[in-house]
Amino acid sequence: MQRIYDAADIIEASIVKGLLEQYGISVHIGGYYLQGGVGEVPASGTTTLWVDDADVAEAYRIIEAYERG
């Protein structure tokens, strides 16, 4: 697995995860439960998306399109 996206928060991570899953890409959200520790841990960079190595290129393409709007 490779880390492919650093989400601003759990909401954004869930949106991007759902988008990738629509294309058949299995996604793992790392740091899901760390959002509750804001104040104790840094408020950003804790929620990440991970995909299988074989899906990295396609995931980047989809995320790039998402970010362009």
PDB file of N, CA and C in Angstrom:
ATOM      1  N   MET A   1       0.849  -1.191   0.000  1.00  0.00           N
ATOM      2  CA  MET A   1       0.000   0.000   0.000  1.00  0.00           C
ATOM      3  C   MET A   1       0.882   1.238   0.000  1.00  0.00           C
ATOM      4  N   GLN A   2       0.331   2.292  -0.591  1.00  0.00           N
ATOM      5  CA  GLN A   2       1.028   3.568  -0.630  1.00  0.00           C
ATOM      6  C   GLN A   2       0.106   4.693  -0.195  1.00  0.00           C
ATOM      7  N   ARG A   3       0.685   5.641   0.520  1.00  0.00           N
ATOM      8  CA  ARG A   3      -0.068   6.821   0.932  1.00  0.00           C
ATOM      9  C   ARG A   3      -0.185   7.735  -0.279  1.00  0.00           C
ATOM     10  N   ILE A   4      -1.418   8.109  -0.615  1.00  0.00           N
ATOM     11  CA  ILE A   4      -1.620   8.891  -1.826  1.00  0.00           C
ATOM     12  C   ILE A   4      -2.259  10.252  -1.577  1.00  0.00           C
ATOM     13  N   TYR A   5      -2.763  10.484  -0.362  1.00  0.00           N
ATOM     14  CA  TYR A   5      -3.471  11.743  -0.141  1.00  0.00           C
ATOM     15  C   TYR A   5      -3.452  12.108   1.332  1.00  0.00           C
ATOM     16  N   ASP A   6      -3.166  13.377   1.616  1.00  0.00           N
ATOM     17  CA  ASP A   6      -3.257  13.917   2.969  1.00  0.00           C
ATOM     18  C   ASP A   6      -4.488  14.807   3.010  1.00  0.00           C
ATOM     19  N   ALA A   7      -5.499  14.375   3.716  1.00  0.00           N
ATOM     20  CA  ALA A   7      -6.755  15.122   3.793  1.00  0.00           C
ATOM     21  C   ALA A   7      -6.686  16.189   4.881  1.00  0.00           C
ATOM     22  N   ALA A   8      -7.449  17.244   4.675  1.00  0.00           N
ATOM     23  CA  ALA A   8      -7.519  18.319   5.665  1.00  0.00           C
ATOM     24  C   ALA A   8      -8.189  17.845   6.952  1.00  0.00           C
ATOM     25  N   ASP A   9      -9.167  16.947   6.806  1.00  0.00           N
ATOM     26  CA  ASP A   9      -9.888  16.425   7.954  1.00  0.00           C
ATOM     27  C   ASP A   9     -10.600  15.129   7.552  1.00  0.00           C
ATOM     28  N   ILE A  10     -11.299  14.541   8.484  1.00  0.00           N
ATOM     29  CA  ILE A  10     -11.960  13.256   8.234  1.00  0.00           C
ATOM     30  C   ILE A  10     -13.084  13.385   7.213  1.00  0.00           C
ATOM     31  N   ILE A  11     -13.705  14.538   7.140  1.00  0.00           N
ATOM     32  CA  ILE A  11     -14.780  14.744   6.161  1.00  0.00           C
ATOM     33  C   ILE A  11     -14.216  14.701   4.747  1.00  0.00           C
ATOM     34  N   GLU A  12     -13.146  15.439   4.515  1.00  0.00           N
ATOM     35  CA  GLU A  12     -12.531  15.412   3.191  1.00  0.00           C
ATOM     36  C   GLU A  12     -12.012  14.014   2.859  1.00  0.00           C
ATOM     37  N   ALA A  13     -11.426  13.349   3.824  1.00  0.00           N
ATOM     38  CA  ALA A  13     -10.931  11.985   3.598  1.00  0.00           C
ATOM     39  C   ALA A  13     -12.070  11.061   3.175  1.00  0.00           C
ATOM     40  N   SER A  14     -13.210  11.199   3.806  1.00  0.00           N
ATOM     41  CA  SER A  14     -14.358  10.352   3.476  1.00  0.00           C
ATOM     42  C   SER A  14     -14.890  10.657   2.078  1.00  0.00           C
ATOM     43  N   ILE A  15     -14.877  11.931   1.693  1.00  0.00           N
ATOM     44  CA  ILE A  15     -15.335  12.313   0.353  1.00  0.00           C
ATOM     45  C   ILE A  15     -14.423  11.705  -0.708  1.00  0.00           C
ATOM     46  N   VAL A  16     -13.122  11.865  -0.543  1.00  0.00           N
ATOM     47  CA  VAL A  16     -12.171  11.341  -1.526  1.00  0.00           C
ATOM     48  C   VAL A  16     -12.197   9.817  -1.534  1.00  0.00           C
ATOM     49  N   LYS A  17     -12.338   9.210  -0.370  1.00  0.00           N
ATOM     50  CA  LYS A  17     -12.444   7.744  -0.290  1.00  0.00           C
ATOM     51  C   LYS A  17     -13.642   7.260  -1.096  1.00  0.00           C
ATOM     52  N   GLY A  18     -14.785   7.905  -0.912  1.00  0.00           N
ATOM     53  CA  GLY A  18     -15.993   7.530  -1.647  1.00  0.00           C
ATOM     54  C   GLY A  18     -15.821   7.702  -3.142  1.00  0.00           C
ATOM     55  N   LEU A  19     -15.152   8.769  -3.546  1.00  0.00           N
ATOM     56  CA  LEU A  19     -14.899   9.009  -4.956  1.00  0.00           C
ATOM     57  C   LEU A  19     -14.044   7.889  -5.547  1.00  0.00           C
ATOM     58  N   LEU A  20     -12.971   7.535  -4.871  1.00  0.00           N
ATOM     59  CA  LEU A  20     -12.093   6.469  -5.356  1.00  0.00           C
ATOM     60  C   LEU A  20     -12.814   5.126  -5.398  1.00  0.00           C
ATOM     61  N   GLU A  21     -13.634   4.859  -4.401  1.00  0.00           N
ATOM     62  CA  GLU A  21     -14.369   3.595  -4.372  1.00  0.00           C
ATOM     63  C   GLU A  21     -15.375   3.490  -5.511  1.00  0.00           C
ATOM     64  N   GLN A  22     -15.890   4.619  -5.989  1.00  0.00           N
ATOM     65  CA  GLN A  22     -16.793   4.601  -7.146  1.00  0.00           C
ATOM     66  C   GLN A  22     -16.092   4.049  -8.384  1.00  0.00           C
ATOM     67  N   TYR A  23     -14.772   4.171  -8.412  1.00  0.00           N
ATOM     68  CA  TYR A  23     -13.977   3.665  -9.528  1.00  0.00           C
ATOM     69  C   TYR A  23     -13.383   2.290  -9.224  1.00  0.00           C
ATOM     70  N   GLY A  24     -13.846   1.677  -8.154  1.00  0.00           N
ATOM     71  CA  GLY A  24     -13.411   0.324  -7.826  1.00  0.00           C
ATOM     72  C   GLY A  24     -12.080   0.237  -7.106  1.00  0.00           C
ATOM     73  N   ILE A  25     -11.617   1.354  -6.555  1.00  0.00           N
ATOM     74  CA  ILE A  25     -10.343   1.369  -5.841  1.00  0.00           C
ATOM     75  C   ILE A  25     -10.614   1.206  -4.348  1.00  0.00           C
ATOM     76  N   SER A  26      -9.989   0.213  -3.762  1.00  0.00           N
ATOM     77  CA  SER A  26     -10.114  -0.027  -2.326  1.00  0.00           C
ATOM     78  C   SER A  26      -9.216   0.965  -1.586  1.00  0.00           C
ATOM     79  N   VAL A  27      -9.769   1.631  -0.564  1.00  0.00           N
ATOM     80  CA  VAL A  27      -9.063   2.709   0.130  1.00  0.00           C
ATOM     81  C   VAL A  27      -9.074   2.461   1.635  1.00  0.00           C
ATOM     82  N   HIS A  28      -7.947   2.755   2.268  1.00  0.00           N
ATOM     83  CA  HIS A  28      -7.855   2.718   3.731  1.00  0.00           C
ATOM     84  C   HIS A  28      -7.592   4.138   4.212  1.00  0.00           C
ATOM     85  N   ILE A  29      -8.337   4.582   5.226  1.00  0.00           N
ATOM     86  CA  ILE A  29      -8.096   5.889   5.836  1.00  0.00           C
ATOM     87  C   ILE A  29      -7.213   5.687   7.053  1.00  0.00           C
ATOM     88  N   GLY A  30      -6.044   6.282   7.025  1.00  0.00           N
ATOM     89  CA  GLY A  30      -5.142   6.243   8.169  1.00  0.00           C
ATOM     90  C   GLY A  30      -5.369   7.461   9.046  1.00  0.00           C
ATOM     91  N   GLY A  31      -5.258   7.296  10.343  1.00  0.00           N
ATOM     92  CA  GLY A  31      -5.424   8.407  11.262  1.00  0.00           C
ATOM     93  C   GLY A  31      -6.865   8.783  11.528  1.00  0.00           C
ATOM     94  N   TYR A  32      -7.782   7.899  11.167  1.00  0.00           N
ATOM     95  CA  TYR A  32      -9.215   8.171  11.311  1.00  0.00           C
ATOM     96  C   TYR A  32      -9.572   8.636  12.726  1.00  0.00           C
ATOM     97  N   TYR A  33      -9.072   7.944  13.710  1.00  0.00           N
ATOM     98  CA  TYR A  33      -9.453   8.255  15.088  1.00  0.00           C
ATOM     99  C   TYR A  33      -8.577   9.319  15.739  1.00  0.00           C
ATOM    100  N   LEU A  34      -7.551   9.785  15.037  1.00  0.00           N
ATOM    101  CA  LEU A  34      -6.697  10.828  15.597  1.00  0.00           C
ATOM    102  C   LEU A  34      -7.371  12.191  15.589  1.00  0.00           C
ATOM    103  N   GLN A  35      -8.425  12.364  14.790  1.00  0.00           N
ATOM    104  CA  GLN A  35      -9.128  13.641  14.739  1.00  0.00           C
ATOM    105  C   GLN A  35      -9.663  14.026  16.114  1.00  0.00           C
ATOM    106  N   GLY A  36      -9.990  13.059  16.927  1.00  0.00           N
ATOM    107  CA  GLY A  36     -10.493  13.334  18.273  1.00  0.00           C
ATOM    108  C   GLY A  36      -9.418  13.853  19.206  1.00  0.00           C
ATOM    109  N   GLY A  37      -8.165  13.737  18.804  1.00  0.00           N
ATOM    110  CA  GLY A  37      -7.064  14.174  19.645  1.00  0.00           C
ATOM    111  C   GLY A  37      -6.554  15.562  19.313  1.00  0.00           C
ATOM    112  N   VAL A  38      -7.289  16.308  18.484  1.00  0.00           N
ATOM    113  CA  VAL A  38      -6.842  17.652  18.124  1.00  0.00           C
ATOM    114  C   VAL A  38      -6.681  18.462  19.399  1.00  0.00           C
ATOM    115  N   GLY A  39      -5.566  19.108  19.501  1.00  0.00           N
ATOM    116  CA  GLY A  39      -5.180  19.794  20.733  1.00  0.00           C
ATOM    117  C   GLY A  39      -4.052  19.038  21.399  1.00  0.00           C
ATOM    118  N   GLU A  40      -4.080  17.729  21.257  1.00  0.00           N
ATOM    119  CA  GLU A  40      -3.027  16.857  21.780  1.00  0.00           C
ATOM    120  C   GLU A  40      -2.030  16.498  20.680  1.00  0.00           C
ATOM    121  N   VAL A  41      -2.534  16.416  19.446  1.00  0.00           N
ATOM    122  CA  VAL A  41      -1.691  16.108  18.282  1.00  0.00           C
ATOM    123  C   VAL A  41      -1.886  17.224  17.262  1.00  0.00           C
ATOM    124  N   PRO A  42      -0.996  17.340  16.284  1.00  0.00           N
ATOM    125  CA  PRO A  42      -1.186  18.393  15.268  1.00  0.00           C
ATOM    126  C   PRO A  42      -2.562  18.302  14.611  1.00  0.00           C
ATOM    127  N   ALA A  43      -3.141  19.439  14.282  1.00  0.00           N
ATOM    128  CA  ALA A  43      -4.498  19.462  13.734  1.00  0.00           C
ATOM    129  C   ALA A  43      -4.545  19.091  12.260  1.00  0.00           C
ATOM    130  N   SER A  44      -3.412  19.014  11.591  1.00  0.00           N
ATOM    131  CA  SER A  44      -3.417  18.652  10.175  1.00  0.00           C
ATOM    132  C   SER A  44      -2.379  17.566   9.910  1.00  0.00           C
ATOM    133  N   GLY A  45      -2.542  16.913   8.782  1.00  0.00           N
ATOM    134  CA  GLY A  45      -1.588  15.887   8.394  1.00  0.00           C
ATOM    135  C   GLY A  45      -1.762  14.556   9.093  1.00  0.00           C
ATOM    136  N   THR A  46      -2.873  14.408   9.807  1.00  0.00           N
ATOM    137  CA  THR A  46      -3.071  13.151  10.528  1.00  0.00           C
ATOM    138  C   THR A  46      -3.981  12.182   9.785  1.00  0.00           C
ATOM    139  N   THR A  47      -4.751  12.668   8.827  1.00  0.00           N
ATOM    140  CA  THR A  47      -5.694  11.826   8.106  1.00  0.00           C
ATOM    141  C   THR A  47      -5.178  11.603   6.691  1.00  0.00           C
ATOM    142  N   THR A  48      -4.871  10.356   6.370  1.00  0.00           N
ATOM    143  CA  THR A  48      -4.276  10.025   5.087  1.00  0.00           C
ATOM    144  C   THR A  48      -5.047   8.914   4.400  1.00  0.00           C
ATOM    145  N   LEU A  49      -4.951   8.882   3.080  1.00  0.00           N
ATOM    146  CA  LEU A  49      -5.580   7.816   2.298  1.00  0.00           C
ATOM    147  C   LEU A  49      -4.498   6.923   1.718  1.00  0.00           C
ATOM    148  N   TRP A  50      -4.741   5.633   1.780  1.00  0.00           N
ATOM    149  CA  TRP A  50      -3.802   4.622   1.299  1.00  0.00           C
ATOM    150  C   TRP A  50      -4.519   3.708   0.314  1.00  0.00           C
ATOM    151  N   VAL A  51      -3.822   3.342  -0.774  1.00  0.00           N
ATOM    152  CA  VAL A  51      -4.369   2.405  -1.754  1.00  0.00           C
ATOM    153  C   VAL A  51      -3.315   1.354  -2.091  1.00  0.00           C
ATOM    154  N   ASP A  52      -3.760   0.259  -2.697  1.00  0.00           N
ATOM    155  CA  ASP A  52      -2.848  -0.786  -3.138  1.00  0.00           C
ATOM    156  C   ASP A  52      -1.906  -0.228  -4.196  1.00  0.00           C
ATOM    157  N   ASP A  53      -0.713  -0.785  -4.255  1.00  0.00           N
ATOM    158  CA  ASP A  53       0.301  -0.325  -5.209  1.00  0.00           C
ATOM    159  C   ASP A  53      -0.229  -0.298  -6.644  1.00  0.00           C
ATOM    160  N   ALA A  54      -1.007  -1.279  -7.012  1.00  0.00           N
ATOM    161  CA  ALA A  54      -1.514  -1.379  -8.383  1.00  0.00           C
ATOM    162  C   ALA A  54      -2.495  -0.266  -8.728  1.00  0.00           C
ATOM    163  N   ASP A  55      -3.075   0.383  -7.722  1.00  0.00           N
ATOM    164  CA  ASP A  55      -4.093   1.417  -7.954  1.00  0.00           C
ATOM    165  C   ASP A  55      -3.565   2.843  -7.832  1.00  0.00           C
ATOM    166  N   VAL A  56      -2.286   3.001  -7.544  1.00  0.00           N
ATOM    167  CA  VAL A  56      -1.736   4.332  -7.261  1.00  0.00           C
ATOM    168  C   VAL A  56      -1.911   5.297  -8.428  1.00  0.00           C
ATOM    169  N   ALA A  57      -1.518   4.914  -9.624  1.00  0.00           N
ATOM    170  CA  ALA A  57      -1.589   5.818 -10.776  1.00  0.00           C
ATOM    171  C   ALA A  57      -3.023   6.259 -11.049  1.00  0.00           C
ATOM    172  N   GLU A  58      -3.950   5.326 -11.031  1.00  0.00           N
ATOM    173  CA  GLU A  58      -5.359   5.656 -11.272  1.00  0.00           C
ATOM    174  C   GLU A  58      -5.909   6.555 -10.159  1.00  0.00           C
ATOM    175  N   ALA A  59      -5.530   6.279  -8.921  1.00  0.00           N
ATOM    176  CA  ALA A  59      -5.992   7.090  -7.790  1.00  0.00           C
ATOM    177  C   ALA A  59      -5.492   8.522  -7.919  1.00  0.00           C
ATOM    178  N   TYR A  60      -4.226   8.696  -8.291  1.00  0.00           N
ATOM    179  CA  TYR A  60      -3.692  10.045  -8.487  1.00  0.00           C
ATOM    180  C   TYR A  60      -4.446  10.784  -9.593  1.00  0.00           C
ATOM    181  N   ARG A  61      -4.773  10.091 -10.669  1.00  0.00           N
ATOM    182  CA  ARG A  61      -5.505  10.704 -11.778  1.00  0.00           C
ATOM    183  C   ARG A  61      -6.871  11.189 -11.302  1.00  0.00           C
ATOM    184  N   ILE A  62      -7.569  10.366 -10.534  1.00  0.00           N
ATOM    185  CA  ILE A  62      -8.900  10.711 -10.041  1.00  0.00           C
ATOM    186  C   ILE A  62      -8.828  11.872  -9.053  1.00  0.00           C
ATOM    187  N   ILE A  63      -7.852  11.840  -8.165  1.00  0.00           N
ATOM    188  CA  ILE A  63      -7.687  12.916  -7.172  1.00  0.00           C
ATOM    189  C   ILE A  63      -7.338  14.223  -7.861  1.00  0.00           C
ATOM    190  N   GLU A  64      -6.491  14.170  -8.875  1.00  0.00           N
ATOM    191  CA  GLU A  64      -6.138  15.382  -9.613  1.00  0.00           C
ATOM    192  C   GLU A  64      -7.373  16.019 -10.235  1.00  0.00           C
ATOM    193  N   ALA A  65      -8.235  15.195 -10.820  1.00  0.00           N
ATOM    194  CA  ALA A  65      -9.477  15.703 -11.409  1.00  0.00           C
ATOM    195  C   ALA A  65     -10.389  16.294 -10.323  1.00  0.00           C
ATOM    196  N   TYR A  66     -10.445  15.648  -9.167  1.00  0.00           N
ATOM    197  CA  TYR A  66     -11.250  16.139  -8.039  1.00  0.00           C
ATOM    198  C   TYR A  66     -10.754  17.518  -7.601  1.00  0.00           C
ATOM    199  N   GLU A  67      -9.444  17.677  -7.481  1.00  0.00           N
ATOM    200  CA  GLU A  67      -8.878  18.933  -7.012  1.00  0.00           C
ATOM    201  C   GLU A  67      -9.059  20.066  -8.016  1.00  0.00           C
ATOM    202  N   ARG A  68      -9.135  19.736  -9.304  1.00  0.00           N
ATOM    203  CA  ARG A  68      -9.368  20.747 -10.328  1.00  0.00           C
ATOM    204  C   ARG A  68     -10.823  21.197 -10.350  1.00  0.00           C
ATOM    205  N   GLY A  69     -11.696  20.394  -9.738  1.00  0.00           N
ATOM    206  CA  GLY A  69     -13.107  20.757  -9.670  1.00  0.00           C
ATOM    207  C   GLY A  69     -13.863  20.186 -10.812  1.00  0.00           C
TER     208      GLY A  69
END
